[in-house]
Amino acid sequence: MKLRRLFALSIVISAVTGKASATTYNWPTNPNDTVITEYPEGVPLTRAEQEETLLDVARRFSLGQTEIVRLNPDIDRWHVKKGEVIRLSNRRILPDTPHQGITLNISEYRMYYYPPEVKGVPRQVMSYAHGVGRQDWKTPLGETKVSRKVKNPSWYPPESIRREHAANGDPLPAVVPPGPHNPLGLYSLHLALPGEYRIHGTDIDKIYGIGMQITHGCVRTYPEDIEQLYNRVPVGTPVFIVKQPIKVGWLDNKLYVEAHPDLEGEKTTPDQRFDLALNLIQKANSGEIPEFDRQTLNEALTKLDGDPVPIYERKSLSPGDEAVTVLQDPIQTPAK
């Protein structure tokens, strides 16, 4: 019964949305929780209404290519058959950054925008898929801000990029005017960083590069997403660019972990990944390491599918109470 309800919900969303737009999440009931959920009832699924690509479905639900392929490893990304069932994302753990402005977590190819709070209106988080810099043109990390906004931008490719294109037999002009083949798309948010780094749209030739390492360091989004962001975000908005492949957060007294693969050109060992997760668990639990489910953690750190999973549950606290473990059969021996 639940499966049918989820199919119905997903099909309605697909039919109504048509194009990508930000996924909007309500803030958890407990304001200190950091796990956001789109479909509270279970795993969201959709059924292809026609033959299409997995990337068409990704765009319709504001997902990137890497994410939807990882969620559907047994589906041919270039040929989704009519009637085939596709898994979508549901929960996400908010990155460990201030909950204001924009956060770009390049490890998950995902942006989080925190709209200003309005009295009497439930707090929300808006999330967008995006592409990031290639391993030889890395997106810089750090805290910055939106320095200016440009509609219908022209692109002045740096000499280094022009040399690269010329060597590949694809010479670029000194100026690429606004239009459907402009790599910046129709909207651009400049960042206050050395060099020309922006959050921008994309051209029609590279629409399916969203959710991949494909740019020369900028952050690239779907055209309809950057238009929405452009109209919402004022100049001066803080921007936090981080690389957090493992995230930990609470929801309804359950502690979740979310793990993503390394970016291309990087190599984290299983021991390093486990130690990082352990440090984050300790930080999230007020400096204490609880008796969490190590088997579930190890599976998450092996699969690296970006799906948050619960590893520990604490008792609801009353004044003077201490948190206790209620998950069944926690594995005590460290297994990395």
Protein backbone atom coordinates (compact mmCIF):
# COMPACT_ATOMS: atom_id res chain seq x y z
CA MET A 1 0.00 0.00 0.00
CA LYS A 2 2.78 2.41 0.93
CA LEU A 3 4.57 1.56 -2.31
CA ARG A 4 1.51 2.56 -4.33
CA ARG A 5 1.19 5.84 -2.44
CA LEU A 6 4.82 6.69 -3.10
CA PHE A 7 4.43 5.90 -6.80
CA ALA A 8 1.37 8.11 -6.97
CA LEU A 9 3.14 10.96 -5.20
CA SER A 10 6.20 10.70 -7.43
CA ILE A 11 4.15 10.58 -10.64
CA VAL A 12 2.20 13.66 -9.60
CA ILE A 13 5.43 15.52 -8.88
CA SER A 14 6.87 14.44 -12.24
CA ALA A 15 3.80 15.58 -14.12
CA VAL A 16 3.49 18.91 -12.34
CA THR A 17 7.15 19.88 -12.20
CA GLY A 18 8.25 19.06 -15.72
CA LYS A 19 11.57 20.86 -15.21
CA ALA A 20 14.08 20.91 -12.42
CA SER A 21 13.64 23.32 -9.55
CA ALA A 22 15.10 23.46 -6.09
CA THR A 23 14.04 20.75 -3.69
CA THR A 24 12.54 22.59 -0.73
CA TYR A 25 12.72 20.93 2.68
CA ASN A 26 10.96 21.94 5.86
CA TRP A 27 13.26 22.29 8.85
CA PRO A 28 13.01 19.37 11.31
CA THR A 29 10.61 19.76 14.23
CA ASN A 30 13.57 19.92 16.60
CA PRO A 31 15.49 23.04 15.47
CA ASN A 32 18.78 21.44 16.57
CA ASP A 33 18.34 18.46 14.24
CA THR A 34 20.20 18.60 10.92
CA VAL A 35 18.69 15.76 8.86
CA ILE A 36 16.13 17.02 6.34
CA THR A 37 13.51 14.79 4.72
CA GLU A 38 11.47 15.24 1.56
CA TYR A 39 9.22 12.17 1.72
CA PRO A 40 8.51 11.22 5.37
CA GLU A 41 6.70 7.96 4.53
CA GLY A 42 9.57 5.98 3.02
CA VAL A 43 11.82 5.45 0.01
CA PRO A 44 10.62 7.65 -2.88
CA LEU A 45 10.22 5.98 -6.26
CA THR A 46 9.00 7.12 -9.65
CA ARG A 47 7.97 5.16 -12.73
CA ALA A 48 9.12 6.22 -16.20
CA GLU A 49 6.13 7.25 -18.29
CA GLN A 50 8.10 6.96 -21.53
CA GLU A 51 11.48 5.80 -22.77
CA GLU A 52 14.07 8.35 -21.68
CA THR A 53 17.50 8.61 -20.06
CA LEU A 54 18.24 8.47 -16.36
CA LEU A 55 19.61 11.99 -16.75
CA ASP A 56 16.20 13.24 -17.92
CA VAL A 57 14.73 11.91 -14.68
CA ALA A 58 17.56 13.50 -12.71
CA ARG A 59 16.83 16.93 -14.12
CA ARG A 60 13.11 16.57 -13.47
CA PHE A 61 13.77 15.96 -9.78
CA SER A 62 16.70 18.40 -9.38
CA LEU A 63 19.29 15.63 -9.00
CA GLY A 64 22.75 15.45 -10.51
CA GLN A 65 24.06 12.73 -12.80
CA THR A 66 26.43 11.15 -10.26
CA GLU A 67 23.73 10.99 -7.59
CA ILE A 68 20.98 9.37 -9.63
CA VAL A 69 23.37 6.84 -11.20
CA ARG A 70 24.62 5.90 -7.73
CA LEU A 71 21.03 5.42 -6.51
CA ASN A 72 20.16 3.24 -9.53
CA PRO A 73 23.25 1.15 -10.31
CA ASP A 74 21.30 -1.50 -12.25
CA ILE A 75 19.61 0.92 -14.65
CA ASP A 76 21.17 1.92 -17.98
CA ARG A 77 21.64 5.67 -17.65
CA TRP A 78 21.15 6.12 -21.40
CA HIS A 79 18.03 3.99 -21.76
CA VAL A 80 15.30 3.94 -19.15
CA LYS A 81 12.43 1.78 -20.37
CA LYS A 82 8.85 2.89 -20.11
CA GLY A 83 7.44 1.64 -16.79
CA GLU A 84 10.86 1.14 -15.19
CA VAL A 85 11.04 2.06 -11.51
CA ILE A 86 13.63 4.67 -10.50
CA ARG A 87 14.77 5.45 -6.99
CA LEU A 88 15.03 9.10 -5.92
CA SER A 89 16.77 10.83 -3.05
CA ASN A 90 14.94 11.42 0.20
CA ARG A 91 16.98 12.44 3.25
CA ARG A 92 20.05 14.65 3.40
CA ILE A 93 22.29 15.68 6.27
CA LEU A 94 23.01 19.39 6.27
CA PRO A 95 26.72 20.21 5.89
CA ASP A 96 28.58 21.35 8.99
CA THR A 97 28.51 25.07 8.19
CA PRO A 98 26.53 28.08 9.45
CA HIS A 99 22.88 27.73 8.49
CA GLN A 100 22.75 30.97 6.55
CA GLY A 101 23.33 32.07 2.98
CA ILE A 102 24.64 29.40 0.61
CA THR A 103 26.69 26.29 1.31
CA LEU A 104 28.32 24.38 -1.55
CA ASN A 105 29.41 20.88 -0.57
CA ILE A 106 31.45 19.84 -3.56
CA SER A 107 31.78 16.25 -2.26
CA GLU A 108 28.08 15.65 -2.92
CA TYR A 109 27.67 18.05 -5.87
CA ARG A 110 24.99 19.81 -3.83
CA MET A 111 24.12 23.35 -2.83
CA TYR A 112 22.09 24.37 0.22
CA TYR A 113 20.42 27.77 0.39
CA TYR A 114 19.00 29.00 3.69
CA PRO A 115 16.36 31.67 2.96
CA PRO A 116 16.08 34.42 5.59
CA GLU A 117 13.70 33.41 8.35
CA VAL A 118 10.27 35.03 8.33
CA LYS A 119 8.34 35.33 11.56
CA GLY A 120 5.33 33.02 11.57
CA VAL A 121 6.55 31.03 8.54
CA PRO A 122 8.10 27.55 8.96
CA ARG A 123 11.84 27.56 8.33
CA GLN A 124 12.97 25.92 5.10
CA VAL A 125 16.09 24.82 3.24
CA MET A 126 16.38 24.85 -0.55
CA SER A 127 18.77 22.45 -2.25
CA TYR A 128 20.14 22.36 -5.81
CA ALA A 129 22.32 19.96 -7.78
CA HIS A 130 25.48 21.42 -9.30
CA GLY A 131 28.67 20.56 -11.15
CA VAL A 132 32.14 21.39 -9.79
CA GLY A 133 35.69 21.84 -11.01
CA ARG A 134 37.66 19.05 -12.66
CA GLN A 135 40.58 17.56 -10.80
CA ASP A 136 42.97 19.83 -12.74
CA TRP A 137 40.74 22.91 -12.23
CA LYS A 138 39.56 22.49 -8.64
CA THR A 139 36.77 24.56 -7.15
CA PRO A 140 38.36 26.58 -4.31
CA LEU A 141 37.25 26.01 -0.73
CA GLY A 142 36.57 28.64 1.90
CA GLU A 143 34.19 31.36 3.02
CA THR A 144 33.24 34.09 0.55
CA LYS A 145 30.16 36.02 -0.58
CA VAL A 146 28.16 36.94 -3.67
CA SER A 147 29.98 40.02 -4.98
CA ARG A 148 27.72 40.82 -7.94
CA LYS A 149 24.97 39.40 -10.13
CA VAL A 150 24.88 39.43 -13.94
CA LYS A 151 21.99 38.56 -16.23
CA ASN A 152 22.78 37.42 -19.80
CA PRO A 153 26.53 37.44 -19.14
CA SER A 154 29.24 37.40 -21.78
CA TRP A 155 32.12 35.02 -21.18
CA TYR A 156 35.71 36.15 -21.56
CA PRO A 157 37.62 32.85 -21.44
CA PRO A 158 41.01 33.18 -19.74
CA GLU A 159 44.06 32.59 -21.89
CA SER A 160 44.75 29.28 -20.11
CA ILE A 161 41.33 27.94 -21.10
CA ARG A 162 41.70 29.22 -24.66
CA ARG A 163 45.04 27.39 -24.96
CA GLU A 164 43.46 24.18 -23.65
CA HIS A 165 40.60 24.36 -26.14
CA ALA A 166 42.95 25.19 -29.02
CA ALA A 167 45.12 22.17 -28.18
CA ASN A 168 41.97 20.00 -28.34
CA GLY A 169 41.00 21.39 -31.74
CA ASP A 170 38.17 23.48 -30.33
CA PRO A 171 39.38 27.10 -30.43
CA LEU A 172 37.43 29.68 -28.44
CA PRO A 173 36.83 33.31 -29.38
CA ALA A 174 38.05 36.08 -27.09
CA VAL A 175 34.43 36.74 -26.11
CA VAL A 176 31.45 34.36 -26.05
CA PRO A 177 28.29 36.50 -26.24
CA PRO A 178 25.08 35.72 -24.35
CA GLY A 179 23.04 32.94 -25.88
CA PRO A 180 22.20 29.23 -25.73
CA HIS A 181 25.82 28.16 -26.28
CA ASN A 182 27.34 30.41 -23.61
CA PRO A 183 28.81 28.14 -20.88
CA LEU A 184 27.67 30.63 -18.22
CA GLY A 185 24.03 30.27 -19.15
CA LEU A 186 21.65 33.19 -18.63
CA TYR A 187 22.50 34.08 -15.03
CA SER A 188 25.72 34.39 -13.05
CA LEU A 189 26.52 35.01 -9.38
CA HIS A 190 30.12 36.21 -8.99
CA LEU A 191 32.01 35.15 -5.87
CA ALA A 192 34.43 37.37 -3.99
CA LEU A 193 37.41 35.09 -4.63
CA PRO A 194 40.68 35.66 -6.48
CA GLY A 195 40.07 34.70 -10.09
CA GLU A 196 36.78 34.52 -11.95
CA TYR A 197 34.73 32.06 -9.91
CA ARG A 198 30.96 32.04 -10.23
CA ILE A 199 27.78 30.12 -9.55
CA HIS A 200 26.19 30.09 -12.98
CA GLY A 201 23.87 28.27 -15.37
CA THR A 202 24.87 26.09 -18.27
CA ASP A 203 24.67 25.94 -22.04
CA ILE A 204 22.46 23.51 -23.91
CA ASP A 205 25.50 21.44 -24.93
CA LYS A 206 26.43 20.48 -21.34
CA ILE A 207 23.09 20.32 -19.57
CA TYR A 208 23.76 16.81 -18.28
CA GLY A 209 27.11 17.71 -16.72
CA ILE A 210 25.28 18.82 -13.58
CA GLY A 211 26.38 16.63 -10.70
CA MET A 212 29.84 15.92 -12.15
CA GLN A 213 33.39 17.28 -12.10
CA ILE A 214 33.18 19.14 -15.37
CA THR A 215 33.98 22.85 -14.94
CA HIS A 216 37.11 24.99 -14.81
CA GLY A 217 36.45 25.66 -11.12
CA CYS A 218 33.06 27.38 -11.23
CA VAL A 219 29.83 25.89 -9.88
CA ARG A 220 27.37 25.03 -12.66
CA THR A 221 23.62 24.55 -12.13
CA TYR A 222 20.53 23.72 -14.15
CA PRO A 223 19.17 26.78 -16.03
CA GLU A 224 15.90 26.90 -14.08
CA ASP A 225 17.75 26.55 -10.76
CA ILE A 226 20.15 29.44 -11.33
CA GLU A 227 17.24 31.63 -12.42
CA GLN A 228 15.44 30.91 -9.16
CA LEU A 229 18.60 31.44 -7.12
CA TYR A 230 19.46 34.66 -8.99
CA ASN A 231 16.06 36.12 -8.13
CA ARG A 232 16.29 35.13 -4.46
CA VAL A 233 19.88 35.80 -3.44
CA PRO A 234 21.05 39.41 -2.87
CA VAL A 235 24.58 40.68 -3.34
CA GLY A 236 26.51 40.19 -0.11
CA THR A 237 24.99 36.78 0.66
CA PRO A 238 27.60 34.63 2.47
CA VAL A 239 28.83 31.55 0.63
CA PHE A 240 30.59 28.61 2.29
CA ILE A 241 32.43 26.22 -0.04
CA VAL A 242 33.32 22.96 1.71
CA LYS A 243 34.38 19.42 0.95
CA GLN A 244 32.56 17.10 3.37
CA PRO A 245 32.31 13.56 1.96
CA ILE A 246 31.06 12.26 5.33
CA LYS A 247 28.34 13.99 7.31
CA VAL A 248 26.70 13.16 10.63
CA GLY A 249 23.48 14.57 12.05
CA TRP A 250 20.48 14.00 14.31
CA LEU A 251 16.81 13.51 13.49
CA ASP A 252 14.24 12.59 16.13
CA ASN A 253 16.91 11.28 18.54
CA LYS A 254 18.49 9.08 15.87
CA LEU A 255 22.06 9.73 14.74
CA TYR A 256 22.56 9.39 10.97
CA VAL A 257 25.69 9.09 8.86
CA GLU A 258 25.96 9.93 5.15
CA ALA A 259 29.01 9.00 3.08
CA HIS A 260 30.05 9.98 -0.45
CA PRO A 261 32.91 8.76 -2.67
CA ASP A 262 36.15 10.68 -3.12
CA LEU A 263 36.34 13.20 -5.90
CA GLU A 264 38.41 12.21 -8.95
CA GLY A 265 42.12 12.44 -8.25
CA GLU A 266 41.70 11.91 -4.49
CA LYS A 267 42.20 8.76 -2.47
CA THR A 268 40.96 8.21 1.07
CA THR A 269 41.80 4.86 2.69
CA PRO A 270 39.14 2.88 4.59
CA ASP A 271 40.99 3.60 7.86
CA GLN A 272 41.02 7.34 7.17
CA ARG A 273 37.33 7.27 6.31
CA PHE A 274 36.49 5.38 9.50
CA ASP A 275 38.55 7.74 11.68
CA LEU A 276 36.87 10.77 10.12
CA ALA A 277 33.42 9.28 10.75
CA LEU A 278 34.35 8.46 14.34
CA ASN A 279 35.48 12.03 14.99
CA LEU A 280 32.24 13.39 13.53
CA ILE A 281 30.14 10.99 15.62
CA GLN A 282 31.97 12.10 18.75
CA LYS A 283 31.50 15.76 17.88
CA ALA A 284 27.78 15.28 17.23
CA ASN A 285 27.31 13.47 20.54
CA SER A 286 28.73 16.18 22.82
CA GLY A 287 32.24 14.74 22.79
CA GLU A 288 31.23 11.19 23.71
CA ILE A 289 31.41 8.12 21.48
CA PRO A 290 28.16 6.17 21.94
CA GLU A 291 27.68 2.44 21.49
CA PHE A 292 26.63 2.85 17.88
CA ASP A 293 25.97 0.18 15.26
CA ARG A 294 29.42 -0.27 13.74
CA GLN A 295 28.25 -2.76 11.14
CA THR A 296 25.83 -0.23 9.67
CA LEU A 297 28.53 2.43 9.74
CA ASN A 298 30.99 0.17 7.94
CA GLU A 299 28.41 -0.66 5.30
CA ALA A 300 27.74 3.05 4.71
CA LEU A 301 31.48 3.76 4.44
CA THR A 302 31.82 0.90 1.93
CA LYS A 303 28.76 1.59 -0.24
CA LEU A 304 29.32 5.38 -0.34
CA ASP A 305 25.91 5.87 -1.91
CA GLY A 306 25.12 9.15 -0.14
CA ASP A 307 22.03 7.70 1.55
CA PRO A 308 21.83 8.70 5.26
CA VAL A 309 21.44 5.70 7.57
CA PRO A 310 20.78 5.63 11.35
CA ILE A 311 23.57 4.16 13.47
CA TYR A 312 22.44 5.07 16.99
CA GLU A 313 19.27 6.00 18.83
CA ARG A 314 19.12 7.79 22.13
CA LYS A 315 16.30 7.85 24.61
CA SER A 316 14.25 11.04 24.69
CA LEU A 317 15.78 13.04 27.49
CA SER A 318 14.06 14.41 30.57
CA PRO A 319 15.83 16.70 33.07
CA GLY A 320 18.50 14.67 34.84
CA ASP A 321 18.32 11.73 32.41
CA GLU A 322 21.30 10.40 30.46
CA ALA A 323 21.20 9.18 26.87
CA VAL A 324 21.12 5.40 26.44
CA THR A 325 21.52 3.15 23.43
CA VAL A 326 18.40 1.36 22.16
CA LEU A 327 19.62 -0.01 18.81
CA GLN A 328 19.76 -3.78 18.89
CA ASP A 329 23.03 -5.72 18.99
CA PRO A 330 25.60 -2.94 18.54
CA ILE A 331 28.93 -4.38 17.46
CA GLN A 332 31.56 -3.53 20.03
CA THR A 333 34.77 -4.46 18.23
CA PRO A 334 36.13 -1.78 15.91
CA ALA A 335 35.91 -2.98 12.34
CA LYS A 336 37.44 -0.63 9.82
